[in-house]
Amino acid sequence: MEPSLHLHPSVTAFSQPDAIKAAQTDIDNEIQRLNNCICSLKSRRNSLCHVSRLPPEVLSEVFLVLSEQLQAQDRFKADFRWTLVAHVCRLWRDIALQHGRLWGKIDMTKPDPTTAFVGRSKGAPLAIRESFTGSLAELPITFADPSYRYRELHLRAKDGQLGPNVLQVLNSPIHAPVLESLVLEVSDNYPEYTLPATVFDYKAPALTRLQLQNVRLEWPAALFPSLTHLSIHHSGNTSLPRPSVSQVLTTLKNMPLLEYLHLVDQTIFEQPIPLNYVSPEELPSVPLPHLATLQLFGTTYDCTTLLSHITLSSFVDLEIHCTGVENVPEIQALMNFVKDNFARNSTINDSSLLSVRTNVGAGELSVNVDMVADAVPKRLLSLGVYPRVVEFFESRVSTVLPIIFDSIPAAATKRLDVRSKFPISTEAWTRVLNRMSEVRVLDTCFAGAVNLAHVLGSPIDNTPSFFAKQLGSLTFSGVSFTHKTSQQLRFYEVLLDCLQKRSNGDHRIKNLNFHSCSDVKATVPSQFRKVAHTVRWDQELEEDLMMLSSE
């Protein structure tokens, strides 16, 4: 289309106002059209040219992405392999040295590079991520220096503690205007340090992450309303006083933007009271509308009390690990609150993933119940129970398992993962299996695995239907055998017989998986292929199970 150079030739400055306005509008539109044509032609011309050199601003961003990717591999150890870009050529070196953000990550174990990095950062926010052995004596730069400001401060004493100079800095009423993340981790065999409630004089407007391990928080802590991630972890006993329920709730109420809350202690609150205690009305009800993950590790009283005083309107992930469980009613009381949370929560739907974990000691029993649909997995619940006496739970495994499942919406249970060193009875399996489309038995005992096999192969009331009739996938990993050869062969015989019954009854398993099941006759895999559409053995499944164990 040719450019119109003579639009409205009869219109002059002395024409009627309406005619002048119409002419100006048409001319402006033509100018815009021609500008767009010129831009398109320039873009087309550039596409036909080889790029011989990236612009400095683009190259500097490439360097920054490289440094951040390397740093993401370790939360505490700084990775400086990216500095090799400064030794490629003079141009790259000049660009790297002029980009202050590149030099903002500091390794405090090497004084000379630290000084050089601070100088090259040119006042850019600093990120200190350091894991050290022994006590950390001092920080390389103080907050009082207006030229250098911390963006991240991650300190981990692997075998030591924070030195007095570091504590003095944290105890000072200092301002941290650009601090986004503060992580302090100290060995559990050293006296705990208490982070004062007045840290940063309440003036850290950018702080979104606070993570403390064996560093106590002074309660009630009028912390920062910008916090989205709060983690407080204590791995050992301490003589320091615990906060009251009211103090913790008051603190949480001041953090309306929380998305992740992680509280770990043998006892979270002071002076536990009986579970039938009715909390006084003056205890606040805390709405946490943005909370996506809640992890509680404490007594049954701790978990029940906190759950009864918070409102989760967008509940996604709840993980509870209880210490000191003495009886089944305590678990029942806790699960009632969990059930109430499910009832109040409208976000549980077909695209949710539900996980229930019940553990004794070092993982004698672990149950995960998952629901995955539309390739959008979300964990809703994880429950762990740690009794003081293992013998108590050994006789109650089959009792507690149905209690947990009775508190879970039936629509939210499709995949079941079980780890159990204690046998689960056929009655307990029967109560929970009918909801499942996938079962994964991980690190379980011989008797429990055999009981599961019997249930899978048992018709319901002598009808053609079977228990867990929706079951399509079955996985066994790490089944422990006291008498390896004889019990293994017996287990495979029972399982093969039960699956054969299902196959004959038109309930054939689609996917059958075995992992860590060695010393099996070569004929076993081929026999199982007659009762399942797909059978995978050991190495084919190893990668999947490694991913599962890391969840």
Protein backbone atom coordinates (compact mmCIF):
# COMPACT_ATOMS: atom_id res chain seq x y z
CA MET A 1 0.00 0.00 0.00
CA GLU A 2 1.49 3.31 -1.14
CA PRO A 3 1.82 6.07 1.48
CA SER A 4 -0.81 8.79 1.18
CA LEU A 5 1.25 11.99 1.08
CA HIS A 6 -1.59 14.30 0.08
CA LEU A 7 -4.47 13.53 2.41
CA HIS A 8 -7.24 16.14 2.33
CA PRO A 9 -5.36 18.56 -0.03
CA SER A 10 -8.26 20.99 -0.04
CA VAL A 11 -8.20 21.44 3.76
CA THR A 12 -6.17 24.41 5.03
CA ALA A 13 -5.62 26.10 8.36
CA PHE A 14 -8.54 28.39 7.52
CA SER A 15 -11.01 25.59 6.84
CA GLN A 16 -13.90 24.65 9.10
CA PRO A 17 -12.79 23.20 12.51
CA ASP A 18 -14.51 19.87 11.85
CA ALA A 19 -12.71 19.48 8.53
CA ILE A 20 -9.35 20.35 10.13
CA LYS A 21 -9.91 17.84 12.94
CA ALA A 22 -10.85 15.06 10.50
CA ALA A 23 -7.76 15.77 8.38
CA GLN A 24 -5.46 15.71 11.41
CA THR A 25 -6.93 12.40 12.57
CA ASP A 26 -6.40 10.78 9.16
CA ILE A 27 -2.84 12.11 8.95
CA ASP A 28 -2.01 10.83 12.46
CA ASN A 29 -3.36 7.41 11.55
CA GLU A 30 -1.25 7.37 8.40
CA ILE A 31 1.87 8.36 10.37
CA GLN A 32 1.24 5.50 12.84
CA ARG A 33 0.74 3.05 9.99
CA LEU A 34 3.99 4.08 8.34
CA ASN A 35 5.87 3.85 11.66
CA ASN A 36 4.59 0.30 12.10
CA CYS A 37 5.74 -0.55 8.58
CA ILE A 38 9.22 0.83 9.29
CA CYS A 39 9.46 -1.20 12.53
CA SER A 40 8.42 -4.35 10.69
CA LEU A 41 10.99 -3.74 7.96
CA LYS A 42 13.75 -3.17 10.54
CA SER A 43 12.80 -6.37 12.37
CA ARG A 44 12.81 -8.28 9.11
CA ARG A 45 16.21 -6.87 8.19
CA ASN A 46 17.65 -7.75 11.61
CA SER A 47 16.39 -11.30 11.25
CA LEU A 48 18.57 -11.67 8.15
CA CYS A 49 21.74 -10.57 10.00
CA HIS A 50 23.99 -12.71 12.18
CA VAL A 51 24.39 -11.45 15.77
CA SER A 52 28.12 -10.98 16.18
CA ARG A 53 28.00 -9.58 19.71
CA LEU A 54 25.38 -9.53 22.45
CA PRO A 55 24.64 -6.11 23.93
CA PRO A 56 26.37 -5.62 27.32
CA GLU A 57 23.05 -5.37 29.20
CA VAL A 58 21.94 -8.74 27.75
CA LEU A 59 25.27 -10.43 28.43
CA SER A 60 25.30 -9.22 32.03
CA GLU A 61 21.85 -10.76 32.59
CA VAL A 62 23.13 -14.05 31.14
CA PHE A 63 25.97 -13.99 33.68
CA LEU A 64 23.48 -13.30 36.47
CA VAL A 65 21.25 -16.23 35.47
CA LEU A 66 24.31 -18.50 35.42
CA SER A 67 25.36 -17.47 38.93
CA GLU A 68 21.83 -17.92 40.31
CA GLN A 69 21.48 -21.39 38.79
CA LEU A 70 24.75 -22.52 40.36
CA GLN A 71 23.80 -20.99 43.70
CA ALA A 72 20.43 -22.78 43.72
CA GLN A 73 22.23 -26.13 43.98
CA ASP A 74 23.22 -25.43 47.63
CA ARG A 75 21.30 -23.28 50.10
CA PHE A 76 24.38 -22.42 52.15
CA LYS A 77 27.54 -22.92 50.12
CA ALA A 78 28.35 -20.20 47.62
CA ASP A 79 29.33 -21.45 44.15
CA PHE A 80 31.74 -19.18 42.33
CA ARG A 81 32.35 -21.15 39.13
CA TRP A 82 30.51 -18.40 37.29
CA THR A 83 33.51 -16.08 37.90
CA LEU A 84 35.28 -17.92 35.07
CA VAL A 85 33.34 -15.67 32.67
CA ALA A 86 35.61 -12.82 33.79
CA HIS A 87 38.61 -14.69 32.33
CA VAL A 88 37.26 -15.37 28.84
CA CYS A 89 38.10 -12.05 27.22
CA ARG A 90 38.53 -8.38 28.10
CA LEU A 91 34.98 -7.50 27.00
CA TRP A 92 33.38 -10.16 29.20
CA ARG A 93 35.59 -9.18 32.11
CA ASP A 94 34.66 -5.50 31.83
CA ILE A 95 30.95 -6.34 31.65
CA ALA A 96 31.17 -8.68 34.68
CA LEU A 97 33.13 -6.18 36.78
CA GLN A 98 30.63 -3.42 36.04
CA HIS A 99 27.60 -5.53 37.06
CA GLY A 100 27.32 -5.04 40.84
CA ARG A 101 24.57 -7.62 41.40
CA LEU A 102 26.89 -10.38 40.20
CA TRP A 103 29.23 -9.83 43.14
CA GLY A 104 26.58 -9.65 45.83
CA LYS A 105 27.00 -13.28 46.96
CA ILE A 106 29.67 -13.48 49.67
CA ASP A 107 31.79 -16.41 50.87
CA MET A 108 32.86 -15.48 54.40
CA THR A 109 35.37 -18.32 54.78
CA LYS A 110 37.83 -16.53 52.46
CA PRO A 111 38.66 -12.99 53.70
CA ASP A 112 40.48 -11.73 50.59
CA PRO A 113 37.76 -12.69 48.06
CA THR A 114 35.15 -11.30 50.47
CA THR A 115 36.81 -7.88 50.42
CA ALA A 116 37.07 -7.98 46.62
CA PHE A 117 33.45 -9.05 46.18
CA VAL A 118 32.18 -6.32 48.50
CA GLY A 119 34.11 -3.72 46.53
CA ARG A 120 32.81 -4.97 43.19
CA SER A 121 29.20 -5.15 44.38
CA LYS A 122 29.07 -1.33 44.12
CA GLY A 123 26.47 -0.99 46.86
CA ALA A 124 24.16 -3.70 45.48
CA PRO A 125 22.25 -5.80 48.06
CA LEU A 126 24.38 -8.63 49.47
CA ALA A 127 23.50 -12.31 49.87
CA ILE A 128 25.39 -14.16 52.62
CA ARG A 129 24.90 -17.92 52.46
CA GLU A 130 27.43 -19.68 54.63
CA SER A 131 27.79 -23.10 56.21
CA PHE A 132 30.74 -23.15 58.60
CA THR A 133 32.38 -25.39 61.18
CA GLY A 134 33.03 -23.86 64.58
CA SER A 135 31.79 -20.50 65.78
CA LEU A 136 31.24 -17.61 63.40
CA ALA A 137 33.16 -14.69 64.88
CA GLU A 138 31.77 -11.75 62.94
CA LEU A 139 29.97 -10.62 59.84
CA PRO A 140 32.09 -9.05 57.08
CA ILE A 141 29.89 -5.96 56.86
CA THR A 142 27.65 -4.36 59.44
CA PHE A 143 24.14 -3.14 58.85
CA ALA A 144 25.24 0.26 60.07
CA ASP A 145 27.22 0.85 56.86
CA PRO A 146 24.75 2.56 54.52
CA SER A 147 26.73 1.54 51.43
CA TYR A 148 26.19 -2.20 51.81
CA ARG A 149 22.90 -3.83 52.68
CA TYR A 150 21.94 -7.45 53.14
CA ARG A 151 19.33 -9.06 50.90
CA GLU A 152 19.84 -12.61 52.22
CA LEU A 153 21.51 -13.76 55.42
CA HIS A 154 21.73 -17.57 55.67
CA LEU A 155 24.08 -18.84 58.40
CA ARG A 156 24.47 -22.49 59.43
CA ALA A 157 26.84 -23.58 62.20
CA LYS A 158 27.40 -27.27 61.48
CA ASP A 159 29.49 -27.83 64.62
CA GLY A 160 29.48 -24.59 66.54
CA GLN A 161 27.45 -21.51 67.29
CA LEU A 162 27.02 -17.88 66.37
CA GLY A 163 29.79 -15.72 67.81
CA PRO A 164 29.19 -12.77 70.15
CA ASN A 165 29.80 -10.20 67.43
CA VAL A 166 27.15 -11.77 65.20
CA LEU A 167 24.70 -11.90 68.10
CA GLN A 168 25.44 -8.27 68.91
CA VAL A 169 24.53 -7.29 65.36
CA LEU A 170 21.25 -9.23 65.54
CA ASN A 171 20.44 -7.83 68.98
CA SER A 172 20.93 -4.24 67.87
CA PRO A 173 17.92 -2.10 66.88
CA ILE A 174 19.10 -1.99 63.29
CA HIS A 175 17.25 -1.39 60.05
CA ALA A 176 17.31 -3.86 57.17
CA PRO A 177 15.40 -2.17 54.36
CA VAL A 178 16.17 -4.75 51.64
CA LEU A 179 16.49 -7.95 53.71
CA GLU A 180 14.29 -10.62 52.12
CA SER A 181 15.45 -13.82 53.82
CA LEU A 182 16.96 -14.60 57.25
CA VAL A 183 18.00 -18.21 58.00
CA LEU A 184 19.87 -19.14 61.20
CA GLU A 185 20.74 -22.78 61.95
CA VAL A 186 22.82 -23.87 64.96
CA SER A 187 23.97 -27.32 66.11
CA ASP A 188 21.63 -28.92 68.63
CA ASN A 189 24.46 -29.70 71.10
CA TYR A 190 25.05 -26.01 71.86
CA PRO A 191 23.01 -23.66 74.07
CA GLU A 192 20.09 -22.21 72.19
CA TYR A 193 20.10 -18.56 71.27
CA THR A 194 16.91 -16.50 71.47
CA LEU A 195 16.24 -14.09 68.64
CA PRO A 196 14.79 -10.96 70.26
CA ALA A 197 11.35 -9.76 69.27
CA THR A 198 12.89 -6.35 68.56
CA VAL A 199 15.25 -7.64 65.87
CA PHE A 200 15.66 -5.06 63.08
CA ASP A 201 13.56 -2.67 65.19
CA TYR A 202 10.52 -3.97 63.27
CA LYS A 203 11.89 -2.24 60.17
CA ALA A 204 12.46 -4.95 57.60
CA PRO A 205 9.68 -4.24 55.10
CA ALA A 206 10.99 -6.66 52.47
CA LEU A 207 11.47 -9.68 54.78
CA THR A 208 9.39 -12.61 53.53
CA ARG A 209 11.32 -15.64 54.87
CA LEU A 210 12.39 -16.36 58.47
CA GLN A 211 13.84 -19.80 59.21
CA LEU A 212 15.27 -20.69 62.64
CA GLN A 213 16.79 -24.01 63.72
CA ASN A 214 17.72 -24.31 67.40
CA VAL A 215 17.34 -20.55 67.58
CA ARG A 216 14.30 -19.60 69.63
CA LEU A 217 12.01 -16.72 68.91
CA GLU A 218 11.02 -14.36 71.67
CA TRP A 219 7.25 -14.61 72.09
CA PRO A 220 5.01 -12.81 71.50
CA ALA A 221 6.95 -11.60 68.50
CA ALA A 222 5.54 -8.57 66.75
CA LEU A 223 7.22 -9.70 63.58
CA PHE A 224 6.80 -8.44 60.10
CA PRO A 225 3.45 -8.47 58.30
CA SER A 226 5.28 -9.14 55.03
CA LEU A 227 6.36 -12.66 56.13
CA THR A 228 5.20 -15.46 53.83
CA HIS A 229 7.49 -18.22 55.15
CA LEU A 230 8.03 -18.93 58.87
CA SER A 231 9.93 -22.01 60.06
CA ILE A 232 10.97 -22.65 63.69
CA HIS A 233 12.66 -25.99 64.35
CA HIS A 234 14.05 -27.36 67.63
CA SER A 235 15.70 -30.77 67.48
CA GLY A 236 16.50 -31.31 71.18
CA ASN A 237 15.45 -30.64 74.75
CA THR A 238 15.83 -27.17 76.17
CA SER A 239 15.30 -25.44 79.48
CA LEU A 240 14.03 -22.29 77.81
CA PRO A 241 10.34 -21.56 78.46
CA ARG A 242 7.77 -22.38 75.81
CA PRO A 243 5.30 -19.78 74.61
CA SER A 244 1.66 -19.85 75.61
CA VAL A 245 -1.07 -20.60 73.09
CA SER A 246 -2.19 -16.98 73.24
CA GLN A 247 1.31 -15.68 72.46
CA VAL A 248 1.68 -17.89 69.40
CA LEU A 249 -1.79 -17.04 68.09
CA THR A 250 -1.19 -13.32 68.62
CA THR A 251 2.04 -13.58 66.66
CA LEU A 252 0.39 -15.48 63.80
CA LYS A 253 -2.42 -12.95 63.66
CA ASN A 254 0.17 -10.30 62.78
CA MET A 255 1.26 -12.29 59.72
CA PRO A 256 -1.79 -12.35 57.42
CA LEU A 257 0.28 -13.14 54.31
CA LEU A 258 1.75 -16.43 55.60
CA GLU A 259 1.93 -19.13 52.95
CA TYR A 260 4.20 -21.62 54.76
CA LEU A 261 4.23 -22.31 58.52
CA HIS A 262 6.55 -24.94 60.01
CA LEU A 263 6.67 -25.47 63.80
CA VAL A 264 8.80 -28.34 65.12
CA ASP A 265 9.39 -29.03 68.82
CA GLN A 266 8.91 -31.86 71.27
CA THR A 267 6.48 -29.50 73.00
CA ILE A 268 5.34 -26.34 71.20
CA PHE A 269 3.23 -24.75 73.94
CA GLU A 270 3.79 -24.41 77.68
CA GLN A 271 1.88 -26.46 80.28
CA PRO A 272 -0.17 -28.92 78.21
CA ILE A 273 -3.71 -29.37 79.42
CA PRO A 274 -6.21 -32.23 78.87
CA LEU A 275 -7.66 -32.56 75.42
CA ASN A 276 -11.22 -32.11 76.70
CA TYR A 277 -10.33 -28.61 77.91
CA VAL A 278 -12.50 -25.93 76.28
CA SER A 279 -10.32 -23.01 75.25
CA PRO A 280 -11.43 -19.65 76.69
CA GLU A 281 -13.18 -17.27 74.34
CA GLU A 282 -10.45 -14.67 74.69
CA LEU A 283 -8.08 -16.84 72.66
CA PRO A 284 -8.14 -15.31 69.18
CA SER A 285 -9.27 -17.17 66.10
CA VAL A 286 -6.58 -16.57 63.52
CA PRO A 287 -7.53 -16.42 59.83
CA LEU A 288 -4.68 -17.48 57.52
CA PRO A 289 -6.30 -17.13 54.09
CA HIS A 290 -3.07 -17.51 52.09
CA LEU A 291 -1.59 -20.47 53.98
CA ALA A 292 -0.63 -23.24 51.55
CA THR A 293 1.50 -25.46 53.82
CA LEU A 294 1.14 -26.10 57.56
CA GLN A 295 3.58 -28.49 59.23
CA LEU A 296 3.23 -29.19 62.96
CA PHE A 297 5.58 -31.46 64.93
CA GLY A 298 4.57 -31.56 68.60
CA THR A 299 2.30 -33.20 71.14
CA THR A 300 -1.25 -34.15 70.29
CA TYR A 301 -2.34 -31.24 72.49
CA ASP A 302 -0.15 -28.82 70.52
CA CYS A 303 -1.53 -29.92 67.17
CA THR A 304 -5.16 -30.08 68.28
CA THR A 305 -5.04 -26.69 70.01
CA LEU A 306 -3.48 -24.87 67.09
CA LEU A 307 -5.81 -26.48 64.55
CA SER A 308 -8.83 -25.46 66.63
CA HIS A 309 -7.85 -21.78 66.60
CA ILE A 310 -6.83 -21.15 63.00
CA THR A 311 -8.99 -20.79 59.92
CA LEU A 312 -7.64 -22.21 56.67
CA SER A 313 -9.72 -20.89 53.83
CA SER A 314 -7.33 -22.02 51.08
CA PHE A 315 -6.03 -25.24 52.64
CA VAL A 316 -3.55 -27.16 50.51
CA ASP A 317 -1.03 -29.05 52.66
CA LEU A 318 -1.37 -30.14 56.30
CA GLU A 319 1.35 -32.28 57.87
CA ILE A 320 1.05 -33.30 61.52
CA HIS A 321 3.54 -35.38 63.49
CA CYS A 322 2.47 -36.08 67.08
CA THR A 323 4.77 -36.98 69.97
CA GLY A 324 3.69 -38.54 73.22
CA VAL A 325 0.52 -40.27 72.02
CA GLU A 326 -0.80 -42.37 74.89
CA ASN A 327 -4.15 -43.64 73.65
CA VAL A 328 -6.40 -43.93 70.65
CA PRO A 329 -8.90 -41.26 71.85
CA GLU A 330 -6.16 -38.64 71.55
CA ILE A 331 -5.71 -39.55 67.90
CA GLN A 332 -9.48 -39.56 67.44
CA ALA A 333 -9.75 -36.06 68.95
CA LEU A 334 -7.03 -34.76 66.65
CA MET A 335 -8.61 -36.34 63.58
CA ASN A 336 -11.94 -34.72 64.47
CA PHE A 337 -10.31 -31.32 64.08
CA VAL A 338 -8.72 -32.45 60.83
CA LYS A 339 -12.14 -33.60 59.64
CA ASP A 340 -13.65 -30.23 60.59
CA ASN A 341 -10.96 -28.46 58.56
CA PHE A 342 -11.82 -30.61 55.55
CA ALA A 343 -15.51 -29.83 56.03
CA ARG A 344 -14.85 -26.07 56.12
CA ASN A 345 -12.55 -26.15 53.15
CA SER A 346 -14.15 -25.76 49.76
CA THR A 347 -10.91 -26.20 47.78
CA ILE A 348 -10.80 -30.01 48.06
CA ASN A 349 -11.68 -31.27 44.61
CA ASP A 350 -10.76 -33.84 41.99
CA SER A 351 -7.40 -32.15 41.34
CA SER A 352 -6.21 -32.60 44.92
CA LEU A 353 -3.70 -34.99 46.43
CA LEU A 354 -4.25 -36.27 49.95
CA SER A 355 -1.44 -37.73 52.02
CA VAL A 356 -1.80 -39.28 55.47
CA ARG A 357 1.34 -40.39 57.27
CA THR A 358 1.32 -42.24 60.54
CA ASN A 359 4.77 -43.03 61.87
CA VAL A 360 6.12 -44.78 64.93
CA GLY A 361 9.72 -44.25 65.94
CA ALA A 362 11.84 -44.31 62.82
CA GLY A 363 9.00 -44.94 60.41
CA GLU A 364 7.48 -48.24 61.52
CA LEU A 365 4.16 -47.22 60.02
CA SER A 366 3.64 -44.66 57.31
CA VAL A 367 0.47 -44.26 55.30
CA ASN A 368 0.00 -41.91 52.39
CA VAL A 369 -3.36 -41.57 50.71
CA ASP A 370 -3.13 -39.59 47.51
CA MET A 371 -5.52 -38.38 44.89
CA VAL A 372 -4.13 -37.25 41.56
CA ALA A 373 -6.31 -36.00 38.73
CA ASP A 374 -5.77 -33.72 35.77
CA ALA A 375 -2.00 -33.90 36.38
CA VAL A 376 -2.33 -31.27 39.14
CA PRO A 377 -1.15 -32.94 42.37
CA LYS A 378 -1.65 -31.07 45.66
CA ARG A 379 -0.94 -32.50 49.08
CA LEU A 380 -3.78 -31.92 51.51
CA LEU A 381 -2.96 -33.86 54.64
CA SER A 382 0.00 -35.66 56.14
CA LEU A 383 -0.37 -37.11 59.63
CA GLY A 384 2.43 -38.62 61.71
CA VAL A 385 2.02 -40.24 65.12
CA TYR A 386 5.02 -40.93 67.38
CA PRO A 387 4.02 -42.71 70.63
CA ARG A 388 6.41 -42.84 73.56
CA VAL A 389 6.05 -46.62 73.77
CA VAL A 390 6.41 -48.59 70.56
CA GLU A 391 4.58 -51.58 72.04
CA PHE A 392 1.46 -49.42 72.39
CA PHE A 393 1.27 -48.78 68.70
CA GLU A 394 2.29 -52.27 67.65
CA SER A 395 -1.06 -53.53 68.93
CA ARG A 396 -2.98 -50.52 67.63
CA VAL A 397 -1.83 -50.21 64.02
CA SER A 398 -4.95 -51.88 62.69
CA THR A 399 -7.11 -49.75 65.04
CA VAL A 400 -5.64 -46.36 64.18
CA LEU A 401 -5.59 -46.83 60.42
CA PRO A 402 -9.42 -46.95 60.04
CA ILE A 403 -9.76 -43.96 62.42
CA ILE A 404 -7.60 -41.90 60.08
CA PHE A 405 -9.51 -42.99 56.99
CA ASP A 406 -12.89 -42.35 58.60
CA SER A 407 -11.84 -38.69 59.00
CA ILE A 408 -10.94 -38.26 55.33
CA PRO A 409 -13.40 -37.39 52.56
CA ALA A 410 -14.03 -40.53 50.53
CA ALA A 411 -13.70 -38.60 47.28
CA ALA A 412 -10.15 -37.60 48.16
CA THR A 413 -8.60 -41.06 48.45
CA LYS A 414 -7.38 -42.75 45.30
CA ARG A 415 -3.74 -43.69 45.92
CA LEU A 416 -2.42 -45.42 49.03
CA ASP A 417 1.23 -45.66 50.11
CA VAL A 418 2.03 -47.79 53.18
CA ARG A 419 5.24 -48.28 55.14
CA SER A 420 4.78 -50.56 58.14
CA LYS A 421 7.13 -52.79 60.12
CA PHE A 422 4.07 -54.06 61.99
CA PRO A 423 1.46 -56.29 60.32
CA ILE A 424 -1.77 -54.61 59.24
CA SER A 425 -4.76 -56.91 59.67
CA THR A 426 -7.02 -58.03 56.86
CA GLU A 427 -9.89 -56.20 58.59
CA ALA A 428 -7.99 -52.90 58.48
CA TRP A 429 -7.02 -53.43 54.84
CA THR A 430 -10.66 -54.17 54.02
CA ARG A 431 -11.80 -50.89 55.62
CA VAL A 432 -9.56 -48.72 53.47
CA LEU A 433 -8.85 -50.48 50.17
CA ASN A 434 -12.19 -50.11 48.43
CA ARG A 435 -11.46 -46.44 47.64
CA MET A 436 -8.14 -47.09 45.95
CA SER A 437 -7.08 -47.14 42.33
CA GLU A 438 -3.37 -47.42 43.18
CA VAL A 439 -1.60 -49.09 46.14
CA ARG A 440 2.14 -48.91 46.89
CA VAL A 441 3.46 -51.09 49.72
CA LEU A 442 6.88 -49.77 50.76
CA ASP A 443 9.24 -51.24 53.37
CA THR A 444 6.57 -53.37 54.99
CA CYS A 445 6.66 -56.71 56.80
CA PHE A 446 5.89 -60.13 55.38
CA ALA A 447 2.66 -60.66 57.36
CA GLY A 448 1.20 -57.28 56.39
CA ALA A 449 1.96 -57.86 52.70
CA VAL A 450 0.38 -61.32 52.80
CA ASN A 451 -2.73 -59.92 54.52
CA LEU A 452 -3.02 -57.35 51.74
CA ALA A 453 -2.76 -60.07 49.11
CA HIS A 454 -5.50 -62.10 50.79
CA VAL A 455 -7.85 -59.09 50.84
CA LEU A 456 -7.20 -58.31 47.17
CA GLY A 457 -8.10 -61.88 46.23
CA SER A 458 -11.19 -62.20 48.42
CA PRO A 459 -14.64 -61.89 46.82
CA ILE A 460 -17.14 -59.69 48.66
CA ASP A 461 -19.86 -61.87 50.24
CA ASN A 462 -19.10 -64.68 47.79
CA THR A 463 -20.07 -62.49 44.84
CA PRO A 464 -18.09 -62.06 41.60
CA SER A 465 -16.97 -58.62 42.87
CA PHE A 466 -13.67 -58.18 44.73
CA PHE A 467 -12.37 -55.82 47.38
CA ALA A 468 -10.58 -52.80 45.90
CA LYS A 469 -12.33 -53.51 42.63
CA GLN A 470 -11.12 -50.15 41.25
CA LEU A 471 -7.49 -51.09 41.88
CA GLY A 472 -5.43 -50.73 38.74
CA SER A 473 -1.84 -50.42 39.97
CA LEU A 474 0.00 -52.37 42.69
CA THR A 475 3.61 -51.80 43.82
CA PHE A 476 5.75 -53.74 46.33
CA SER A 477 9.08 -52.29 47.43
CA GLY A 478 11.38 -53.48 50.20
CA VAL A 479 9.16 -56.17 51.73
CA SER A 480 11.16 -57.54 54.69
CA PHE A 481 11.40 -61.31 55.14
CA THR A 482 12.63 -62.87 58.40
CA HIS A 483 13.25 -66.19 56.66
CA LYS A 484 14.15 -64.82 53.29
CA THR A 485 13.84 -67.70 50.85
CA SER A 486 10.86 -69.53 52.34
CA GLN A 487 8.85 -66.38 53.15
CA GLN A 488 9.58 -64.84 49.77
CA LEU A 489 8.35 -67.87 47.91
CA ARG A 490 5.30 -68.09 50.16
CA PHE A 491 4.52 -64.39 49.58
CA TYR A 492 4.78 -64.74 45.80
CA GLU A 493 2.63 -67.88 45.84
CA VAL A 494 -0.13 -66.15 47.82
CA LEU A 495 0.05 -62.98 45.74
CA LEU A 496 0.04 -64.90 42.47
CA ASP A 497 -2.94 -66.99 43.57
CA CYS A 498 -4.94 -63.93 44.70
CA LEU A 499 -4.20 -61.97 41.54
CA GLN A 500 -5.14 -65.00 39.47
CA LYS A 501 -8.55 -65.00 41.18
CA ARG A 502 -8.98 -61.33 40.33
CA SER A 503 -7.95 -61.97 36.75
CA ASN A 504 -10.46 -64.79 36.44
CA GLY A 505 -13.12 -62.50 37.92
CA ASP A 506 -12.46 -59.79 35.33
CA HIS A 507 -10.64 -57.52 37.84
CA ARG A 508 -7.16 -57.93 36.41
CA ILE A 509 -4.42 -55.62 37.69
CA LYS A 510 -3.16 -53.25 34.99
CA ASN A 511 0.28 -52.43 36.46
CA LEU A 512 2.26 -54.66 38.83
CA ASN A 513 5.62 -53.36 40.10
CA PHE A 514 8.35 -54.95 42.25
CA HIS A 515 11.44 -53.27 43.68
CA SER A 516 14.16 -54.60 46.03
CA CYS A 517 12.72 -58.10 45.70
CA SER A 518 15.85 -60.07 44.84
CA ASP A 519 16.67 -63.79 44.96
CA VAL A 520 13.52 -64.68 43.10
CA LYS A 521 13.35 -67.53 40.63
CA ALA A 522 13.52 -66.40 37.03
CA THR A 523 10.10 -67.90 36.37
CA VAL A 524 8.32 -65.58 38.82
CA PRO A 525 8.18 -62.46 36.59
CA SER A 526 6.78 -64.44 33.68
CA GLN A 527 4.13 -66.01 35.93
CA PHE A 528 2.98 -62.59 37.12
CA ARG A 529 2.69 -61.37 33.53
CA LYS A 530 -0.23 -63.78 33.19
CA VAL A 531 -2.24 -61.91 35.85
CA ALA A 532 -1.28 -58.29 35.07
CA HIS A 533 -1.13 -56.29 31.87
CA THR A 534 2.26 -54.73 32.70
CA VAL A 535 4.95 -56.02 35.11
CA ARG A 536 8.07 -54.04 36.02
CA TRP A 537 10.91 -55.45 38.08
CA ASP A 538 13.65 -53.77 40.17
CA GLN A 539 15.78 -51.49 37.97
CA GLU A 540 12.86 -50.32 35.85
CA LEU A 541 11.14 -49.13 39.03
CA GLU A 542 14.14 -47.85 40.98
CA GLU A 543 13.97 -44.29 39.67
CA ASP A 544 10.25 -44.01 40.46
CA LEU A 545 10.73 -45.22 44.03
CA MET A 546 13.67 -42.84 44.62
CA MET A 547 11.41 -39.96 43.63
CA LEU A 548 8.72 -41.25 45.97
CA SER A 549 11.08 -41.50 48.96
CA SER A 550 12.19 -37.89 48.47
CA GLU A 551 8.63 -36.51 48.74
